[in-house]
Amino acid sequence: MADFRLIARMLWRDLRAGELTLLVLALLLAVAALSSVGFLADRVELALKRDAVQLMGGDLLVTSDHPIPSGFVQKATAFGLRHTQTLTFNSMVSTEGAAELAAVKVVEQNYPLRGSIQLAPGLRLPGKSVVRGPAQGEAWLDEQLLNALQRKPGEMVELGYLRLRVAAVITYESDRGMAFSSFAPRIMISAQDLAASGLIQEGSRARYRLLLAGDLAAVEAYEQWAKERVGRGETLESLDNARPEIRSGMERASRFLRLVAMLAVILAAIAIGLSSRRYMHRHSSSCAVMRCLGARRSQLLKLYLGEFLLLGLAVAGLGAVAGFFLQFGLAVVVRDFVSIELPLPGATPVLHGLLVGVVLMLGFVAPQLLKLVEVSPIRVLRREWRTVQASSVGAWVFGAGVLAGLMFWLAGEWVLGGIVVGGFAAAIVVFPG
């Protein structure tokens, strides 16, 4: 307890003197950047796990670029699974005075099996959930398409050979997806109107989906059966690979944000190394005095390491708190691309932030402290720097090794980690020249 009080007093003295300002700011920035990315990624992952079934529209999907073979539907019935089919493609929707390219979705009456569609009776009105498809002769349009066509519910639109009455406004569609066509205005029609539209011909670019839902054991048995029978252009989507477009998009965004956070960590490591080197020079005399008063090297090392470890944990904790609030801003940025409600994140990013803070401290401060406690007591009388010289090559090599390992861990993949570490190493070689 006495050692802890002494460590706390030393830390408070150095903070008041401004000795650690640069080090604190660098570590705070690094942990905040890293934890904010971690919090956002954690929220998206939790949301995908929570809403995977609703986002898919069913427990299992069979997708294809051609009509789903009848055997898949028959087998679903045999397994006791509920099923429905959808078809999506792009086509022109027109009125007497306007035309607009739209993403057409053809659904059956029992769509969706999971999740819901929210419909409003008019523009800019709140929607209510429904679990059925449009009736024959009706069309549901989203606000973007209605505004482009200058139409209101109750009026008529043309799609292919069809004249359809706008029955409602789509305000939310749980399984809309994030493919390029999903950002186009949406019109949803009944499967009973498809043949009369004349839009699907030989070679039409359309995406067919068979949605399945039911008992978990039956779904898993059907999935095992279907895996052996999917052919060209046919794929299975389950809870394990649900919404790959969201996952791939967020993975790319996460890689970019991780890269930014890693660069912040590198800059922080350099700043911490330079700050700790300055700290070593400025405290060599006081360390020599304590050596004259009988302090052993092990005691000094324990005190200084305790001081920086306490500082690292405290600053990393503040950085994690700052990252928690920063991630709300990042969530606003990606809100248009991730149309799901994100839950609060878990505690894992906090642990990562604390670990990064401790590793940066140990990797770039400990080598300097080892040299500091080796100061000779004679420095009280004579300012000689032979024992306390600029950081040795070995200390910087140790720090570089710690930083490289940290970069690969933060990257989560060899390629991104190798690019960052290689670029940093090349910069070290080139910049002195």
Protein backbone atom coordinates (compact mmCIF):
# COMPACT_ATOMS: atom_id res chain seq x y z
CA MET A 1 0.00 0.00 0.00
CA ALA A 2 2.89 2.36 0.82
CA ASP A 3 4.41 1.68 -2.60
CA PHE A 4 1.09 2.43 -4.29
CA ARG A 5 0.77 5.76 -2.46
CA LEU A 6 4.30 6.68 -3.49
CA ILE A 7 3.58 5.67 -7.11
CA ALA A 8 0.40 7.77 -7.11
CA ARG A 9 2.29 10.78 -5.68
CA MET A 10 5.02 10.44 -8.32
CA LEU A 11 2.41 10.24 -11.07
CA TRP A 12 0.51 13.25 -9.78
CA ARG A 13 3.74 15.26 -9.52
CA ASP A 14 4.77 14.45 -13.10
CA LEU A 15 1.30 15.22 -14.45
CA ARG A 16 1.23 18.61 -12.72
CA ALA A 17 4.70 19.39 -14.05
CA GLY A 18 3.58 18.63 -17.61
CA GLU A 19 6.18 15.89 -18.00
CA LEU A 20 3.68 13.41 -19.42
CA THR A 21 1.36 15.64 -21.47
CA LEU A 22 2.50 14.44 -24.90
CA LEU A 23 2.46 10.81 -23.79
CA VAL A 24 -1.07 11.12 -22.37
CA LEU A 25 -2.46 12.81 -25.48
CA ALA A 26 -0.85 10.27 -27.81
CA LEU A 27 -2.13 7.27 -25.88
CA LEU A 28 -5.59 8.81 -25.46
CA LEU A 29 -5.89 9.39 -29.23
CA ALA A 30 -4.72 5.88 -30.09
CA VAL A 31 -7.08 4.10 -27.69
CA ALA A 32 -10.04 6.32 -28.62
CA ALA A 33 -9.55 5.67 -32.34
CA LEU A 34 -9.13 1.95 -31.85
CA SER A 35 -12.00 1.47 -29.40
CA SER A 36 -14.47 3.54 -31.47
CA VAL A 37 -13.92 1.23 -34.43
CA GLY A 38 -14.21 -1.79 -32.16
CA PHE A 39 -17.45 -0.54 -30.60
CA LEU A 40 -19.05 0.07 -34.02
CA ALA A 41 -18.00 -3.32 -35.40
CA ASP A 42 -19.28 -4.99 -32.23
CA ARG A 43 -22.66 -3.26 -32.55
CA VAL A 44 -23.08 -4.35 -36.18
CA GLU A 45 -22.09 -7.93 -35.35
CA LEU A 46 -24.55 -8.07 -32.46
CA ALA A 47 -27.30 -6.64 -34.67
CA LEU A 48 -26.64 -9.21 -37.37
CA LYS A 49 -26.79 -12.04 -34.85
CA ARG A 50 -29.97 -10.64 -33.32
CA ASP A 51 -31.82 -9.87 -36.57
CA ALA A 52 -30.32 -12.42 -38.95
CA VAL A 53 -33.59 -14.29 -39.44
CA GLN A 54 -35.61 -11.11 -39.98
CA LEU A 55 -32.98 -9.71 -42.34
CA MET A 56 -33.12 -12.87 -44.43
CA GLY A 57 -36.90 -13.13 -44.50
CA GLY A 58 -36.68 -16.79 -43.46
CA ASP A 59 -34.56 -19.36 -41.66
CA LEU A 60 -32.92 -20.56 -44.88
CA LEU A 61 -32.76 -19.20 -48.42
CA VAL A 62 -32.17 -20.82 -51.79
CA THR A 63 -31.19 -18.16 -54.33
CA SER A 64 -30.72 -18.63 -58.04
CA ASP A 65 -30.35 -16.75 -61.33
CA HIS A 66 -33.01 -19.01 -62.86
CA PRO A 67 -36.34 -20.39 -61.61
CA ILE A 68 -35.95 -22.52 -58.49
CA PRO A 69 -36.23 -26.23 -59.43
CA SER A 70 -39.51 -27.72 -58.28
CA GLY A 71 -37.64 -30.42 -56.32
CA PHE A 72 -36.50 -27.84 -53.77
CA VAL A 73 -40.09 -26.76 -53.13
CA GLN A 74 -41.39 -30.32 -52.92
CA LYS A 75 -38.66 -31.31 -50.48
CA ALA A 76 -39.47 -28.31 -48.29
CA THR A 77 -43.07 -29.50 -48.07
CA ALA A 78 -41.87 -33.01 -47.23
CA PHE A 79 -39.74 -31.62 -44.37
CA GLY A 80 -42.74 -29.71 -43.02
CA LEU A 81 -41.22 -26.28 -43.75
CA ARG A 82 -43.19 -23.19 -44.63
CA HIS A 83 -41.99 -21.68 -47.88
CA THR A 84 -42.58 -18.78 -50.24
CA GLN A 85 -40.83 -17.46 -53.33
CA THR A 86 -39.78 -14.00 -54.46
CA LEU A 87 -38.39 -12.61 -57.68
CA THR A 88 -36.44 -9.37 -58.10
CA PHE A 89 -35.42 -7.54 -61.26
CA ASN A 90 -35.17 -4.00 -62.63
CA SER A 91 -37.76 -2.47 -64.93
CA MET A 92 -39.34 0.85 -65.90
CA VAL A 93 -42.41 2.07 -64.04
CA SER A 94 -44.31 4.79 -65.87
CA THR A 95 -47.28 7.13 -65.78
CA GLU A 96 -48.72 9.46 -68.40
CA GLY A 97 -46.04 12.05 -67.78
CA ALA A 98 -43.08 10.29 -66.11
CA ALA A 99 -41.01 7.10 -66.12
CA GLU A 100 -38.55 5.76 -63.57
CA LEU A 101 -36.23 2.76 -63.36
CA ALA A 102 -37.23 0.74 -60.31
CA ALA A 103 -36.32 -2.45 -58.49
CA VAL A 104 -39.32 -4.75 -58.89
CA LYS A 105 -40.04 -7.35 -56.25
CA VAL A 106 -42.61 -10.06 -56.96
CA VAL A 107 -43.93 -11.84 -53.86
CA GLU A 108 -46.55 -14.40 -52.90
CA GLN A 109 -49.33 -13.81 -50.40
CA ASN A 110 -47.55 -15.59 -47.52
CA TYR A 111 -44.47 -13.35 -47.80
CA PRO A 112 -42.49 -12.74 -45.62
CA LEU A 113 -41.96 -15.81 -43.46
CA ARG A 114 -39.80 -13.88 -41.00
CA GLY A 115 -39.57 -10.16 -40.38
CA SER A 116 -42.18 -7.76 -41.73
CA ILE A 117 -43.04 -5.02 -44.17
CA GLN A 118 -44.21 -1.66 -42.90
CA LEU A 119 -46.86 0.12 -44.99
CA ALA A 120 -48.25 3.64 -44.71
CA PRO A 121 -51.53 4.89 -46.25
CA GLY A 122 -49.81 7.99 -47.63
CA LEU A 123 -46.58 9.91 -48.00
CA ARG A 124 -44.73 10.99 -44.85
CA LEU A 125 -47.04 8.97 -42.63
CA PRO A 126 -45.95 6.33 -40.09
CA GLY A 127 -46.05 2.73 -41.28
CA LYS A 128 -47.65 -0.34 -39.74
CA SER A 129 -46.29 -3.88 -39.98
CA VAL A 130 -47.96 -6.42 -42.25
CA VAL A 131 -47.05 -10.03 -42.98
CA ARG A 132 -48.59 -10.50 -46.40
CA GLY A 133 -47.92 -9.53 -49.97
CA PRO A 134 -49.94 -7.14 -52.16
CA ALA A 135 -53.23 -8.35 -53.66
CA GLN A 136 -53.64 -8.99 -57.37
CA GLY A 137 -53.90 -5.72 -59.29
CA GLU A 138 -52.23 -3.75 -56.50
CA ALA A 139 -48.73 -2.33 -56.16
CA TRP A 140 -46.81 -1.08 -53.15
CA LEU A 141 -44.28 1.68 -53.85
CA ASP A 142 -41.73 3.37 -51.65
CA GLU A 143 -41.68 7.14 -51.17
CA GLN A 144 -38.75 7.62 -53.52
CA LEU A 145 -40.61 6.09 -56.45
CA LEU A 146 -43.88 7.84 -55.65
CA ASN A 147 -42.14 11.20 -55.57
CA ALA A 148 -40.33 10.50 -58.84
CA LEU A 149 -43.60 9.52 -60.56
CA GLN A 150 -45.61 12.25 -58.79
CA ARG A 151 -48.22 9.71 -57.74
CA LYS A 152 -50.27 9.18 -54.57
CA PRO A 153 -51.93 6.07 -53.11
CA GLY A 154 -55.08 5.25 -55.04
CA GLU A 155 -53.69 6.37 -58.42
CA MET A 156 -52.49 4.12 -61.24
CA VAL A 157 -49.01 3.22 -62.53
CA GLU A 158 -47.89 1.07 -65.45
CA LEU A 159 -45.43 -1.81 -65.24
CA GLY A 160 -44.90 -3.74 -68.46
CA TYR A 161 -48.39 -4.57 -69.76
CA LEU A 162 -49.93 -4.03 -66.33
CA ARG A 163 -51.92 -1.11 -64.95
CA LEU A 164 -51.70 -1.31 -61.17
CA ARG A 165 -53.33 0.71 -58.40
CA VAL A 166 -50.97 2.13 -55.79
CA ALA A 167 -52.40 0.61 -52.61
CA ALA A 168 -49.80 1.62 -49.98
CA VAL A 169 -46.40 3.20 -49.36
CA ILE A 170 -43.49 0.96 -48.30
CA THR A 171 -41.70 2.52 -45.33
CA TYR A 172 -39.63 -0.51 -44.27
CA GLU A 173 -38.69 -3.86 -45.78
CA SER A 174 -36.66 -6.09 -43.46
CA ASP A 175 -35.04 -8.26 -46.16
CA ARG A 176 -34.45 -5.61 -48.79
CA GLY A 177 -30.70 -6.16 -48.83
CA MET A 178 -27.84 -3.91 -49.87
CA ALA A 179 -27.12 -4.93 -53.43
CA PHE A 180 -26.82 -2.12 -55.98
CA SER A 181 -30.39 -2.62 -57.18
CA SER A 182 -31.64 -2.36 -53.60
CA PHE A 183 -30.83 1.35 -53.58
CA ALA A 184 -33.14 1.89 -56.56
CA PRO A 185 -36.77 2.90 -55.96
CA ARG A 186 -38.90 -0.10 -54.98
CA ILE A 187 -42.18 -1.42 -56.34
CA MET A 188 -43.70 -4.63 -54.96
CA ILE A 189 -46.37 -6.60 -56.83
CA SER A 190 -48.19 -9.90 -56.47
CA ALA A 191 -46.89 -13.10 -58.04
CA GLN A 192 -50.35 -13.47 -59.61
CA ASP A 193 -49.63 -10.44 -61.83
CA LEU A 194 -46.21 -11.57 -63.07
CA ALA A 195 -47.32 -13.53 -66.12
CA ALA A 196 -49.58 -10.72 -67.35
CA SER A 197 -46.79 -8.16 -67.07
CA GLY A 198 -44.77 -9.79 -69.87
CA LEU A 199 -41.54 -8.68 -68.21
CA ILE A 200 -39.88 -12.06 -67.65
CA GLN A 201 -38.63 -13.58 -70.89
CA GLU A 202 -35.88 -15.98 -71.87
CA GLY A 203 -32.58 -14.50 -70.72
CA SER A 204 -34.13 -11.92 -68.36
CA ARG A 205 -31.77 -10.79 -65.60
CA ALA A 206 -33.70 -11.71 -62.47
CA ARG A 207 -32.94 -13.14 -59.05
CA TYR A 208 -35.12 -15.95 -57.68
CA ARG A 209 -35.34 -16.72 -53.97
CA LEU A 210 -36.97 -19.56 -52.09
CA LEU A 211 -37.54 -18.61 -48.43
CA LEU A 212 -37.91 -21.39 -45.87
CA ALA A 213 -38.91 -21.34 -42.21
CA GLY A 214 -39.78 -23.92 -39.61
CA ASP A 215 -38.39 -26.14 -36.88
CA LEU A 216 -34.61 -25.80 -36.43
CA ALA A 217 -33.95 -29.52 -36.86
CA ALA A 218 -36.00 -29.61 -40.05
CA VAL A 219 -34.21 -26.53 -41.41
CA GLU A 220 -30.80 -28.08 -40.69
CA ALA A 221 -31.84 -31.37 -42.31
CA TYR A 222 -33.10 -29.54 -45.38
CA GLU A 223 -29.87 -27.53 -45.57
CA GLN A 224 -27.79 -30.72 -45.55
CA TRP A 225 -30.00 -32.18 -48.29
CA ALA A 226 -29.85 -29.01 -50.40
CA LYS A 227 -26.06 -28.59 -50.11
CA GLU A 228 -25.58 -31.76 -52.15
CA ARG A 229 -28.00 -30.64 -54.86
CA VAL A 230 -27.36 -26.95 -55.53
CA GLY A 231 -26.29 -26.46 -59.13
CA ARG A 232 -24.92 -23.69 -61.31
CA GLY A 233 -26.12 -20.26 -60.26
CA GLU A 234 -27.73 -21.61 -57.09
CA THR A 235 -26.59 -20.77 -53.54
CA LEU A 236 -27.73 -21.37 -49.98
CA GLU A 237 -27.93 -18.59 -47.41
CA SER A 238 -28.26 -19.55 -43.75
CA LEU A 239 -27.81 -17.83 -40.40
CA ASP A 240 -24.05 -18.39 -40.68
CA ASN A 241 -23.72 -16.35 -43.87
CA ALA A 242 -26.83 -14.18 -43.54
CA ARG A 243 -26.81 -10.89 -45.42
CA PRO A 244 -23.37 -11.28 -47.01
CA GLU A 245 -23.74 -7.86 -48.64
CA ILE A 246 -23.95 -6.20 -45.23
CA ARG A 247 -21.08 -8.28 -43.88
CA SER A 248 -18.83 -7.60 -46.88
CA GLY A 249 -19.65 -3.89 -46.86
CA MET A 250 -19.00 -3.58 -43.14
CA GLU A 251 -15.83 -5.66 -43.44
CA ARG A 252 -14.49 -3.21 -46.04
CA ALA A 253 -15.50 -0.25 -43.90
CA SER A 254 -14.04 -1.93 -40.82
CA ARG A 255 -10.74 -2.55 -42.64
CA PHE A 256 -10.52 1.12 -43.56
CA LEU A 257 -11.36 2.25 -40.04
CA ARG A 258 -8.91 -0.28 -38.56
CA LEU A 259 -6.24 1.11 -40.88
CA VAL A 260 -6.90 4.63 -39.59
CA ALA A 261 -6.81 3.36 -36.00
CA MET A 262 -3.56 1.48 -36.66
CA LEU A 263 -1.93 4.62 -38.05
CA ALA A 264 -3.05 6.47 -34.92
CA VAL A 265 -1.46 3.71 -32.81
CA ILE A 266 1.81 4.00 -34.77
CA LEU A 267 1.94 7.77 -34.28
CA ALA A 268 1.12 7.25 -30.61
CA ALA A 269 3.93 4.71 -30.27
CA ILE A 270 6.43 7.16 -31.75
CA ALA A 271 5.21 9.96 -29.50
CA ILE A 272 5.36 7.70 -26.44
CA GLY A 273 8.88 6.60 -27.32
CA LEU A 274 10.11 10.19 -27.74
CA SER A 275 8.28 11.33 -24.61
CA SER A 276 9.69 8.50 -22.52
CA ARG A 277 13.20 9.28 -23.82
CA ARG A 278 12.76 12.90 -22.74
CA TYR A 279 11.42 11.69 -19.38
CA MET A 280 14.50 9.53 -18.88
CA HIS A 281 16.88 12.45 -19.45
CA ARG A 282 14.95 14.83 -17.20
CA HIS A 283 14.68 12.35 -14.30
CA SER A 284 18.18 10.91 -14.38
CA SER A 285 19.41 13.33 -11.67
CA SER A 286 16.53 12.58 -9.28
CA CYS A 287 17.05 8.88 -9.88
CA ALA A 288 20.75 9.30 -9.03
CA VAL A 289 19.79 11.04 -5.76
CA MET A 290 17.57 8.14 -4.78
CA ARG A 291 20.42 5.77 -5.60
CA CYS A 292 22.64 7.75 -3.21
CA LEU A 293 19.99 7.46 -0.50
CA GLY A 294 20.09 3.68 -0.76
CA ALA A 295 17.37 2.87 -3.26
CA ARG A 296 18.06 -0.34 -5.13
CA ARG A 297 17.64 -0.72 -8.88
CA SER A 298 14.77 -3.16 -8.41
CA GLN A 299 12.95 -0.67 -6.15
CA LEU A 300 13.33 2.15 -8.66
CA LEU A 301 12.23 -0.04 -11.53
CA LYS A 302 9.18 -1.14 -9.54
CA LEU A 303 8.23 2.47 -8.76
CA TYR A 304 8.65 3.80 -12.31
CA LEU A 305 7.01 0.81 -13.97
CA GLY A 306 4.12 1.10 -11.50
CA GLU A 307 3.75 4.79 -12.31
CA PHE A 308 3.57 4.25 -16.07
CA LEU A 309 1.39 1.16 -15.75
CA LEU A 310 -1.09 3.12 -13.62
CA LEU A 311 -0.95 5.98 -16.12
CA GLY A 312 -1.50 3.61 -19.04
CA LEU A 313 -4.54 1.96 -17.47
CA ALA A 314 -6.10 5.32 -16.53
CA VAL A 315 -5.54 6.94 -19.93
CA ALA A 316 -6.62 3.80 -21.78
CA GLY A 317 -9.81 3.77 -19.72
CA LEU A 318 -10.49 7.41 -20.64
CA GLY A 319 -9.72 6.59 -24.28
CA ALA A 320 -12.21 3.73 -24.22
CA VAL A 321 -14.88 6.06 -22.83
CA ALA A 322 -14.09 8.61 -25.55
CA GLY A 323 -14.24 5.83 -28.17
CA PHE A 324 -17.65 4.77 -26.87
CA PHE A 325 -19.06 8.22 -27.60
CA LEU A 326 -17.17 8.61 -30.88
CA GLN A 327 -18.71 5.42 -32.26
CA PHE A 328 -22.16 7.04 -32.11
CA GLY A 329 -20.89 9.52 -34.70
CA LEU A 330 -19.55 6.68 -36.84
CA ALA A 331 -22.93 4.93 -36.56
CA VAL A 332 -24.62 8.05 -37.95
CA VAL A 333 -22.22 8.00 -40.92
CA VAL A 334 -23.07 4.38 -41.82
CA ARG A 335 -26.76 4.69 -40.99
CA ASP A 336 -27.75 5.02 -44.66
CA PHE A 337 -25.90 1.80 -45.50
CA VAL A 338 -26.96 -0.32 -42.52
CA SER A 339 -30.73 0.04 -42.22
CA ILE A 340 -30.99 -1.91 -38.95
CA GLU A 341 -31.20 -0.76 -35.37
CA LEU A 342 -27.82 -1.21 -33.72
CA PRO A 343 -27.79 -2.43 -30.10
CA LEU A 344 -25.36 -1.18 -27.49
CA PRO A 345 -21.91 -2.79 -27.79
CA GLY A 346 -20.30 -5.24 -25.42
CA ALA A 347 -17.25 -4.76 -23.20
CA THR A 348 -14.71 -6.44 -25.51
CA PRO A 349 -13.52 -3.16 -27.16
CA VAL A 350 -12.82 -1.76 -23.68
CA LEU A 351 -10.55 -4.72 -22.91
CA HIS A 352 -8.82 -4.26 -26.27
CA GLY A 353 -8.24 -0.58 -25.51
CA LEU A 354 -6.80 -1.34 -22.09
CA LEU A 355 -4.55 -4.02 -23.57
CA VAL A 356 -3.26 -1.64 -26.28
CA GLY A 357 -2.53 1.01 -23.65
CA VAL A 358 -0.55 -1.40 -21.48
CA VAL A 359 1.34 -2.88 -24.46
CA LEU A 360 2.33 0.55 -25.79
CA MET A 361 3.54 1.54 -22.35
CA LEU A 362 5.55 -1.61 -21.77
CA GLY A 363 6.92 -1.70 -25.30
CA PHE A 364 8.13 1.89 -25.54
CA VAL A 365 8.55 3.04 -21.94
CA ALA A 366 10.03 -0.02 -20.25
CA PRO A 367 13.28 0.00 -22.30
CA GLN A 368 13.84 3.63 -21.32
CA LEU A 369 13.13 2.91 -17.67
CA LEU A 370 15.64 0.05 -17.70
CA LYS A 371 18.28 2.55 -18.76
CA LEU A 372 17.07 5.13 -16.25
CA VAL A 373 17.49 2.87 -13.20
CA GLU A 374 21.03 2.08 -14.35
CA VAL A 375 22.08 5.68 -13.75
CA SER A 376 25.24 5.97 -11.64
CA PRO A 377 25.07 7.69 -8.23
CA ILE A 378 28.08 9.74 -9.33
CA ARG A 379 25.74 11.76 -11.55
CA VAL A 380 24.81 13.74 -8.41
CA LEU A 381 28.28 15.26 -8.51
CA ARG A 382 29.22 14.99 -12.18
CA ARG A 383 26.90 15.17 -15.20
CA GLU A 384 28.20 12.30 -17.24
CA TRP A 385 25.99 10.64 -19.86
CA ARG A 386 27.93 7.51 -20.59
CA THR A 387 25.51 5.34 -18.63
CA VAL A 388 22.38 7.32 -19.50
CA GLN A 389 22.77 7.96 -23.20
CA ALA A 390 20.25 8.15 -25.99
CA SER A 391 18.10 5.08 -26.38
CA SER A 392 20.09 2.14 -27.60
CA VAL A 393 19.35 0.31 -30.81
CA GLY A 394 18.21 -2.64 -28.77
CA ALA A 395 15.52 -0.60 -27.00
CA TRP A 396 14.10 0.69 -30.28
CA VAL A 397 14.27 -2.77 -31.84
CA PHE A 398 12.30 -4.13 -28.89
CA GLY A 399 9.71 -1.37 -29.28
CA ALA A 400 9.49 -1.96 -33.04
CA GLY A 401 8.93 -5.67 -32.42
CA VAL A 402 6.15 -4.93 -29.94
CA LEU A 403 4.57 -2.46 -32.39
CA ALA A 404 4.75 -4.94 -35.28
CA GLY A 405 3.07 -7.64 -33.21
CA LEU A 406 0.41 -5.16 -32.13
CA MET A 407 -0.24 -4.14 -35.76
CA PHE A 408 -0.79 -7.73 -36.89
CA TRP A 409 -3.13 -8.33 -33.94
CA LEU A 410 -5.14 -5.18 -34.64
CA ALA A 411 -5.32 -5.90 -38.36
CA GLY A 412 -6.72 -9.37 -37.80
CA GLU A 413 -5.21 -10.51 -41.10
CA TRP A 414 -1.72 -10.97 -42.48
CA VAL A 415 -2.19 -8.85 -45.61
CA LEU A 416 -3.34 -5.63 -43.93
CA GLY A 417 -0.87 -6.07 -41.08
CA GLY A 418 1.97 -6.70 -43.53
CA ILE A 419 1.08 -3.60 -45.55
CA VAL A 420 1.11 -1.35 -42.47
CA VAL A 421 4.27 -2.83 -40.95
CA GLY A 422 6.05 -2.86 -44.32
CA GLY A 423 5.07 0.72 -45.09
CA PHE A 424 6.22 1.88 -41.68
CA ALA A 425 9.54 0.04 -42.04
CA ALA A 426 10.06 1.56 -45.50
CA ALA A 427 9.34 5.02 -44.08
CA ILE A 428 11.98 4.51 -41.39
CA VAL A 429 14.53 3.71 -44.09
CA VAL A 430 13.53 6.48 -46.49
CA PHE A 431 12.86 9.46 -44.21
CA PRO A 432 16.40 9.79 -42.78
CA GLY A 433 17.67 9.96 -46.37
